Amino acid sequence: MTRTTYLDCLKPSLLFVLILLVAMLRALPAPAAGKETLTVAGGCFWCVESDFESVPGVIGAVSGYMGGTTENPTYDQVSKGGSGHYEAVQITFDPARVSRETLLNMFFRSVDPTDAGGQFCDRGESYRTAIFVSNTGEKALAQQAKSSAQNALGQTVVTPILQAGTFYPAEAYHQDYYKGDKLVLTRFGPKRQKNAYKAYRKACGRDARVKQLWGSEAPFAGS
C-alpha cells in the first residue's frame, strides 16, 4: 500500500473518531455556574438578608457573625458586646448575573455609612457597618465603592474594610426571619415572624433614614 493510499484509508477513521468525541462532549453535563461570596455588616442582619435575597443574581444570604475573637459566638454574646463580632450577612451570588461592584454599591446605599455607633435604632459595636474582604482584588473593589459612596454623599463614610475571618452562621431561628410564619411574642404583641419583622423595621426607622440620606438611589427602602 502506498503512502497516499494509506492516508486516504485513515481519513474516514479519523473523521469518525472526531465525530464521536464531539458527541461525547455534548453529552457531558454543563459545568456548574460560578459562585462567589460577599460578606457585609449593615446593622440588623434580618434586614440585610431580606434586602439582598431580593436581588436578581443573588443565590442566597445567611445571617451570622464575623470580625471578632470569640469562637462559635451566640447571639447573646454578640449583642451584649465585647466579642468583637459584627452582625454580618454572607451573600452568595452568580457573578455572571450580578457583579460584586453592583452589590457593593447597593450595600452602601442600603445603610447609613456615616454612622460609627451602630445603625438606626440598633446601637453598639455589633450593629456597625463593615465590608469583609479576602484578597487585594476584593479590597480594591470595596475601596472603590466606598469612595463612590463618599463622593455621592459629600460626607465622610466610616464603614471599614476589614480582612475576612471565620464566618459563623447565626442560630437557625434568625435565618429567613423576615419571611417566617412562626408566632412570636414581640413588644407589638403576638405576631408572625414576617409581620414582626416589618413592624420592627418600620419602628427602627431604617427605611426613613436611608431615603433621607440616599433619596432615589436607595435600592431597598420600603422592602
C-alpha atoms as a PDB file:
ATOM      1  CA  MET A   1       0.000   0.000   0.000  1.00  0.00           C
ATOM      2  CA  THR A   2       1.382   3.378  -0.978  1.00  0.00           C
ATOM      3  CA  ARG A   3       1.675   6.246   1.486  1.00  0.00           C
ATOM      4  CA  THR A   4      -1.127   8.184  -0.266  1.00  0.00           C
ATOM      5  CA  THR A   5      -3.465   5.200  -0.201  1.00  0.00           C
ATOM      6  CA  TYR A   6      -2.709   4.561   3.481  1.00  0.00           C
ATOM      7  CA  LEU A   7      -3.572   8.166   4.401  1.00  0.00           C
ATOM      8  CA  ASP A   8      -6.744   8.022   2.360  1.00  0.00           C
ATOM      9  CA  CYS A   9      -7.820   4.992   4.415  1.00  0.00           C
ATOM     10  CA  LEU A  10      -7.117   6.792   7.686  1.00  0.00           C
ATOM     11  CA  LYS A  11      -9.213   9.851   6.899  1.00  0.00           C
ATOM     12  CA  PRO A  12     -12.647   8.221   7.356  1.00  0.00           C
ATOM     13  CA  SER A  13     -11.491   6.615  10.611  1.00  0.00           C
ATOM     14  CA  LEU A  14     -10.191   9.930  11.985  1.00  0.00           C
ATOM     15  CA  LEU A  15     -13.387  11.679  10.977  1.00  0.00           C
ATOM     16  CA  PHE A  16     -15.430   9.036  12.793  1.00  0.00           C
ATOM     17  CA  VAL A  17     -13.330   9.439  15.960  1.00  0.00           C
ATOM     18  CA  LEU A  18     -13.725  13.226  15.860  1.00  0.00           C
ATOM     19  CA  ILE A  19     -17.492  12.946  15.437  1.00  0.00           C
ATOM     20  CA  LEU A  20     -17.633  10.505  18.334  1.00  0.00           C
ATOM     21  CA  LEU A  21     -15.600  12.840  20.582  1.00  0.00           C
ATOM     22  CA  VAL A  22     -17.842  15.810  19.767  1.00  0.00           C
ATOM     23  CA  ALA A  23     -20.940  13.763  20.552  1.00  0.00           C
ATOM     24  CA  MET A  24     -19.450  12.626  23.891  1.00  0.00           C
ATOM     25  CA  LEU A  25     -18.528  16.204  24.871  1.00  0.00           C
ATOM     26  CA  ARG A  26     -22.015  17.448  24.063  1.00  0.00           C
ATOM     27  CA  ALA A  27     -23.494  14.707  26.235  1.00  0.00           C
ATOM     28  CA  LEU A  28     -21.476  15.792  29.273  1.00  0.00           C
ATOM     29  CA  PRO A  29     -23.343  17.920  31.849  1.00  0.00           C
ATOM     30  CA  ALA A  30     -22.656  21.631  31.663  1.00  0.00           C
ATOM     31  CA  PRO A  31     -20.212  22.898  34.294  1.00  0.00           C
ATOM     32  CA  ALA A  32     -21.795  24.337  37.413  1.00  0.00           C
ATOM     33  CA  ALA A  33     -22.297  28.071  37.334  1.00  0.00           C
ATOM     34  CA  GLY A  34     -19.639  30.029  39.176  1.00  0.00           C
ATOM     35  CA  LYS A  35     -20.485  31.300  42.648  1.00  0.00           C
ATOM     36  CA  GLU A  36     -18.848  33.975  44.773  1.00  0.00           C
ATOM     37  CA  THR A  37     -19.493  35.344  48.251  1.00  0.00           C
ATOM     38  CA  LEU A  38     -19.630  38.837  49.681  1.00  0.00           C
ATOM     39  CA  THR A  39     -19.794  39.353  53.439  1.00  0.00           C
ATOM     40  CA  VAL A  40     -21.056  42.654  54.812  1.00  0.00           C
ATOM     41  CA  ALA A  41     -22.306  44.069  58.094  1.00  0.00           C
ATOM     42  CA  GLY A  42     -25.176  46.525  57.867  1.00  0.00           C
ATOM     43  CA  GLY A  43     -26.843  46.609  61.247  1.00  0.00           C
ATOM     44  CA  CYS A  44     -29.711  44.169  61.780  1.00  0.00           C
ATOM     45  CA  PHE A  45     -28.828  41.071  59.787  1.00  0.00           C
ATOM     46  CA  TRP A  46     -32.505  40.238  59.210  1.00  0.00           C
ATOM     47  CA  CYS A  47     -32.785  43.424  57.162  1.00  0.00           C
ATOM     48  CA  VAL A  48     -29.608  42.897  55.154  1.00  0.00           C
ATOM     49  CA  GLU A  49     -30.616  39.305  54.413  1.00  0.00           C
ATOM     50  CA  SER A  50     -34.089  40.417  53.334  1.00  0.00           C
ATOM     51  CA  ASP A  51     -32.705  43.159  51.096  1.00  0.00           C
ATOM     52  CA  PHE A  52     -30.129  41.125  49.224  1.00  0.00           C
ATOM     53  CA  GLU A  53     -32.143  37.962  48.749  1.00  0.00           C
ATOM     54  CA  SER A  54     -34.418  40.089  46.551  1.00  0.00           C
ATOM     55  CA  VAL A  55     -31.602  40.935  44.117  1.00  0.00           C
ATOM     56  CA  PRO A  56     -31.581  39.017  40.806  1.00  0.00           C
ATOM     57  CA  GLY A  57     -28.366  37.013  40.641  1.00  0.00           C
ATOM     58  CA  VAL A  58     -28.129  36.521  44.402  1.00  0.00           C
ATOM     59  CA  ILE A  59     -28.392  32.821  45.194  1.00  0.00           C
ATOM     60  CA  GLY A  60     -28.874  33.202  48.932  1.00  0.00           C
ATOM     61  CA  ALA A  61     -27.897  35.096  52.060  1.00  0.00           C
ATOM     62  CA  VAL A  62     -27.037  33.753  55.512  1.00  0.00           C
ATOM     63  CA  SER A  63     -27.151  35.759  58.734  1.00  0.00           C
ATOM     64  CA  GLY A  64     -24.173  35.310  61.033  1.00  0.00           C
ATOM     65  CA  TYR A  65     -21.231  36.805  62.854  1.00  0.00           C
ATOM     66  CA  MET A  66     -17.752  37.883  61.739  1.00  0.00           C
ATOM     67  CA  GLY A  67     -14.889  40.054  62.874  1.00  0.00           C
ATOM     68  CA  GLY A  68     -14.460  39.024  66.495  1.00  0.00           C
ATOM     69  CA  THR A  69     -12.299  36.727  68.567  1.00  0.00           C
ATOM     70  CA  THR A  70     -14.890  34.526  70.274  1.00  0.00           C
ATOM     71  CA  GLU A  71     -15.235  31.110  68.651  1.00  0.00           C
ATOM     72  CA  ASN A  72     -18.756  29.921  67.823  1.00  0.00           C
ATOM     73  CA  PRO A  73     -20.381  33.029  69.303  1.00  0.00           C
ATOM     74  CA  THR A  74     -24.032  33.106  70.278  1.00  0.00           C
ATOM     75  CA  TYR A  75     -26.448  35.917  69.533  1.00  0.00           C
ATOM     76  CA  ASP A  76     -26.480  36.902  73.218  1.00  0.00           C
ATOM     77  CA  GLN A  77     -22.680  37.139  73.321  1.00  0.00           C
ATOM     78  CA  VAL A  78     -22.516  39.243  70.179  1.00  0.00           C
ATOM     79  CA  SER A  79     -25.402  41.569  71.030  1.00  0.00           C
ATOM     80  CA  LYS A  80     -24.063  42.258  74.537  1.00  0.00           C
ATOM     81  CA  GLY A  81     -20.768  43.463  73.036  1.00  0.00           C
ATOM     82  CA  GLY A  82     -17.225  42.521  73.869  1.00  0.00           C
ATOM     83  CA  SER A  83     -16.875  39.622  71.431  1.00  0.00           C
ATOM     84  CA  GLY A  84     -15.758  41.952  68.647  1.00  0.00           C
ATOM     85  CA  HIS A  85     -18.161  40.365  66.184  1.00  0.00           C
ATOM     86  CA  TYR A  86     -20.452  42.208  63.818  1.00  0.00           C
ATOM     87  CA  GLU A  87     -23.894  41.020  62.828  1.00  0.00           C
ATOM     88  CA  ALA A  88     -22.919  40.049  59.297  1.00  0.00           C
ATOM     89  CA  VAL A  89     -24.541  38.537  56.228  1.00  0.00           C
ATOM     90  CA  GLN A  90     -22.754  36.276  53.796  1.00  0.00           C
ATOM     91  CA  ILE A  91     -24.222  36.783  50.323  1.00  0.00           C
ATOM     92  CA  THR A  92     -23.724  34.092  47.685  1.00  0.00           C
ATOM     93  CA  PHE A  93     -24.147  35.335  44.138  1.00  0.00           C
ATOM     94  CA  ASP A  94     -23.671  34.421  40.495  1.00  0.00           C
ATOM     95  CA  PRO A  95     -21.121  36.883  39.057  1.00  0.00           C
ATOM     96  CA  ALA A  96     -22.459  36.202  35.570  1.00  0.00           C
ATOM     97  CA  ARG A  97     -25.770  37.777  36.628  1.00  0.00           C
ATOM     98  CA  VAL A  98     -24.764  40.421  39.160  1.00  0.00           C
ATOM     99  CA  SER A  99     -21.303  41.851  39.788  1.00  0.00           C
ATOM    100  CA  ARG A 100     -19.538  42.347  43.089  1.00  0.00           C
ATOM    101  CA  GLU A 101     -19.276  46.059  42.229  1.00  0.00           C
ATOM    102  CA  THR A 102     -23.048  46.314  41.865  1.00  0.00           C
ATOM    103  CA  LEU A 103     -23.667  44.560  45.176  1.00  0.00           C
ATOM    104  CA  LEU A 104     -21.144  46.773  46.978  1.00  0.00           C
ATOM    105  CA  ASN A 105     -22.742  49.934  45.623  1.00  0.00           C
ATOM    106  CA  MET A 106     -26.173  48.637  46.615  1.00  0.00           C
ATOM    107  CA  PHE A 107     -24.889  47.832  50.093  1.00  0.00           C
ATOM    108  CA  PHE A 108     -23.622  51.356  50.746  1.00  0.00           C
ATOM    109  CA  ARG A 109     -26.943  52.772  49.583  1.00  0.00           C
ATOM    110  CA  SER A 110     -28.914  50.451  51.868  1.00  0.00           C
ATOM    111  CA  VAL A 111     -27.306  51.664  55.115  1.00  0.00           C
ATOM    112  CA  ASP A 112     -26.115  54.819  56.845  1.00  0.00           C
ATOM    113  CA  PRO A 113     -22.350  54.538  56.264  1.00  0.00           C
ATOM    114  CA  THR A 114     -21.755  57.822  58.119  1.00  0.00           C
ATOM    115  CA  ASP A 115     -22.826  56.322  61.474  1.00  0.00           C
ATOM    116  CA  ALA A 116     -19.962  54.863  63.521  1.00  0.00           C
ATOM    117  CA  GLY A 117     -22.069  53.845  66.516  1.00  0.00           C
ATOM    118  CA  GLY A 118     -24.497  51.362  65.003  1.00  0.00           C
ATOM    119  CA  GLN A 119     -27.374  51.502  62.564  1.00  0.00           C
ATOM    120  CA  PHE A 120     -30.676  53.315  63.028  1.00  0.00           C
ATOM    121  CA  CYS A 121     -32.278  52.264  66.365  1.00  0.00           C
ATOM    122  CA  ASP A 122     -29.716  49.492  66.922  1.00  0.00           C
ATOM    123  CA  ARG A 123     -26.696  50.813  68.763  1.00  0.00           C
ATOM    124  CA  GLY A 124     -23.429  49.192  69.744  1.00  0.00           C
ATOM    125  CA  GLU A 125     -20.402  47.527  68.178  1.00  0.00           C
ATOM    126  CA  SER A 126     -22.241  44.526  66.735  1.00  0.00           C
ATOM    127  CA  TYR A 127     -24.532  46.794  64.672  1.00  0.00           C
ATOM    128  CA  ARG A 128     -21.801  48.821  62.978  1.00  0.00           C
ATOM    129  CA  THR A 129     -21.283  48.630  59.220  1.00  0.00           C
ATOM    130  CA  ALA A 130     -18.323  46.856  57.616  1.00  0.00           C
ATOM    131  CA  ILE A 131     -17.208  45.114  54.452  1.00  0.00           C
ATOM    132  CA  PHE A 132     -15.081  41.982  54.740  1.00  0.00           C
ATOM    133  CA  VAL A 133     -12.570  41.119  52.014  1.00  0.00           C
ATOM    134  CA  SER A 134     -10.393  38.083  51.315  1.00  0.00           C
ATOM    135  CA  ASN A 135      -7.851  39.385  48.795  1.00  0.00           C
ATOM    136  CA  THR A 136      -6.419  42.503  47.193  1.00  0.00           C
ATOM    137  CA  GLY A 137      -8.884  42.411  44.308  1.00  0.00           C
ATOM    138  CA  GLU A 138     -11.883  42.402  46.643  1.00  0.00           C
ATOM    139  CA  LYS A 139     -10.286  45.130  48.741  1.00  0.00           C
ATOM    140  CA  ALA A 140      -9.765  47.366  45.697  1.00  0.00           C
ATOM    141  CA  LEU A 141     -13.405  46.978  44.648  1.00  0.00           C
ATOM    142  CA  ALA A 142     -14.601  47.725  48.177  1.00  0.00           C
ATOM    143  CA  GLN A 143     -12.428  50.843  48.375  1.00  0.00           C
ATOM    144  CA  GLN A 144     -13.753  51.994  45.011  1.00  0.00           C
ATOM    145  CA  ALA A 145     -17.363  51.550  46.179  1.00  0.00           C
ATOM    146  CA  LYS A 146     -16.589  53.359  49.425  1.00  0.00           C
ATOM    147  CA  SER A 147     -15.075  56.320  47.566  1.00  0.00           C
ATOM    148  CA  SER A 148     -18.084  56.421  45.261  1.00  0.00           C
ATOM    149  CA  ALA A 149     -20.453  56.486  48.232  1.00  0.00           C
ATOM    150  CA  GLN A 150     -18.462  59.222  49.936  1.00  0.00           C
ATOM    151  CA  ASN A 151     -18.432  61.356  46.799  1.00  0.00           C
ATOM    152  CA  ALA A 152     -22.159  60.838  46.290  1.00  0.00           C
ATOM    153  CA  LEU A 153     -22.977  61.856  49.856  1.00  0.00           C
ATOM    154  CA  GLY A 154     -20.398  64.596  50.294  1.00  0.00           C
ATOM    155  CA  GLN A 155     -19.880  63.206  53.791  1.00  0.00           C
ATOM    156  CA  THR A 156     -17.265  61.019  55.466  1.00  0.00           C
ATOM    157  CA  VAL A 157     -18.035  57.313  55.119  1.00  0.00           C
ATOM    158  CA  VAL A 158     -16.861  55.486  58.236  1.00  0.00           C
ATOM    159  CA  THR A 159     -17.585  51.921  57.104  1.00  0.00           C
ATOM    160  CA  PRO A 160     -14.301  49.991  57.492  1.00  0.00           C
ATOM    161  CA  ILE A 161     -12.969  47.465  55.007  1.00  0.00           C
ATOM    162  CA  LEU A 162     -11.723  44.533  57.067  1.00  0.00           C
ATOM    163  CA  GLN A 163      -9.876  41.292  56.431  1.00  0.00           C
ATOM    164  CA  ALA A 164     -12.380  38.453  56.398  1.00  0.00           C
ATOM    165  CA  GLY A 165     -12.135  35.902  59.169  1.00  0.00           C
ATOM    166  CA  THR A 166     -14.289  32.946  60.102  1.00  0.00           C
ATOM    167  CA  PHE A 167     -17.960  33.421  59.335  1.00  0.00           C
ATOM    168  CA  TYR A 168     -20.199  31.862  61.969  1.00  0.00           C
ATOM    169  CA  PRO A 169     -23.813  31.312  60.839  1.00  0.00           C
ATOM    170  CA  ALA A 170     -26.322  32.633  63.359  1.00  0.00           C
ATOM    171  CA  GLU A 171     -28.805  30.423  65.152  1.00  0.00           C
ATOM    172  CA  ALA A 172     -31.434  28.747  62.964  1.00  0.00           C
ATOM    173  CA  TYR A 173     -34.287  30.984  64.169  1.00  0.00           C
ATOM    174  CA  HIS A 174     -32.502  34.044  62.732  1.00  0.00           C
ATOM    175  CA  GLN A 175     -32.302  32.616  59.216  1.00  0.00           C
ATOM    176  CA  ASP A 176     -35.029  33.914  56.879  1.00  0.00           C
ATOM    177  CA  TYR A 177     -36.712  35.543  59.862  1.00  0.00           C
ATOM    178  CA  TYR A 178     -38.170  38.192  57.593  1.00  0.00           C
ATOM    179  CA  LYS A 179     -40.421  35.641  55.871  1.00  0.00           C
ATOM    180  CA  GLY A 180     -41.106  33.219  58.732  1.00  0.00           C
ATOM    181  CA  ASP A 181     -44.598  32.175  59.808  1.00  0.00           C
ATOM    182  CA  LYS A 182     -43.804  31.153  63.377  1.00  0.00           C
ATOM    183  CA  LEU A 183     -45.820  33.021  66.016  1.00  0.00           C
ATOM    184  CA  VAL A 184     -43.568  35.108  68.267  1.00  0.00           C
ATOM    185  CA  LEU A 185     -44.211  37.434  71.188  1.00  0.00           C
ATOM    186  CA  THR A 186     -42.970  40.953  70.499  1.00  0.00           C
ATOM    187  CA  ARG A 187     -43.338  44.407  72.021  1.00  0.00           C
ATOM    188  CA  PHE A 188     -46.038  44.870  69.402  1.00  0.00           C
ATOM    189  CA  GLY A 189     -47.890  41.811  70.732  1.00  0.00           C
ATOM    190  CA  PRO A 190     -48.063  38.255  69.286  1.00  0.00           C
ATOM    191  CA  LYS A 191     -47.176  38.307  65.601  1.00  0.00           C
ATOM    192  CA  ARG A 192     -45.993  36.035  62.840  1.00  0.00           C
ATOM    193  CA  GLN A 193     -42.272  36.467  62.297  1.00  0.00           C
ATOM    194  CA  LYS A 194     -42.701  38.174  58.922  1.00  0.00           C
ATOM    195  CA  ASN A 195     -45.137  40.677  60.421  1.00  0.00           C
ATOM    196  CA  ALA A 196     -42.949  41.206  63.479  1.00  0.00           C
ATOM    197  CA  TYR A 197     -40.046  41.907  61.145  1.00  0.00           C
ATOM    198  CA  LYS A 198     -41.999  44.523  59.211  1.00  0.00           C
ATOM    199  CA  ALA A 199     -43.124  46.224  62.430  1.00  0.00           C
ATOM    200  CA  TYR A 200     -39.559  46.236  63.779  1.00  0.00           C
ATOM    201  CA  ARG A 201     -38.086  47.613  60.547  1.00  0.00           C
ATOM    202  CA  LYS A 202     -40.587  50.458  60.427  1.00  0.00           C
ATOM    203  CA  ALA A 203     -40.226  51.324  64.123  1.00  0.00           C
ATOM    204  CA  CYS A 204     -36.429  51.270  63.835  1.00  0.00           C
ATOM    205  CA  GLY A 205     -36.544  53.964  61.161  1.00  0.00           C
ATOM    206  CA  ARG A 206     -34.270  52.125  58.757  1.00  0.00           C
ATOM    207  CA  ASP A 207     -36.071  52.955  55.546  1.00  0.00           C
ATOM    208  CA  ALA A 208     -36.874  56.520  56.569  1.00  0.00           C
ATOM    209  CA  ARG A 209     -33.210  57.284  57.271  1.00  0.00           C
ATOM    210  CA  VAL A 210     -31.958  55.556  54.126  1.00  0.00           C
ATOM    211  CA  LYS A 211     -34.435  57.525  51.999  1.00  0.00           C
ATOM    212  CA  GLN A 212     -33.391  60.751  53.743  1.00  0.00           C
ATOM    213  CA  LEU A 213     -29.733  60.003  53.104  1.00  0.00           C
ATOM    214  CA  TRP A 214     -29.818  58.458  49.635  1.00  0.00           C
ATOM    215  CA  GLY A 215     -33.090  59.585  48.089  1.00  0.00           C
ATOM    216  CA  SER A 216     -33.789  57.895  44.761  1.00  0.00           C
ATOM    217  CA  GLU A 217     -30.504  55.967  44.963  1.00  0.00           C
ATOM    218  CA  ALA A 218     -31.799  53.841  47.868  1.00  0.00           C
ATOM    219  CA  PRO A 219     -32.393  50.390  46.347  1.00  0.00           C
ATOM    220  CA  PHE A 220     -34.347  48.682  49.136  1.00  0.00           C
ATOM    221  CA  ALA A 221     -36.113  51.260  51.291  1.00  0.00           C
ATOM    222  CA  GLY A 222     -39.634  50.046  51.904  1.00  0.00           C
ATOM    223  CA  SER A 223     -38.828  46.343  51.347  1.00  0.00           C
END
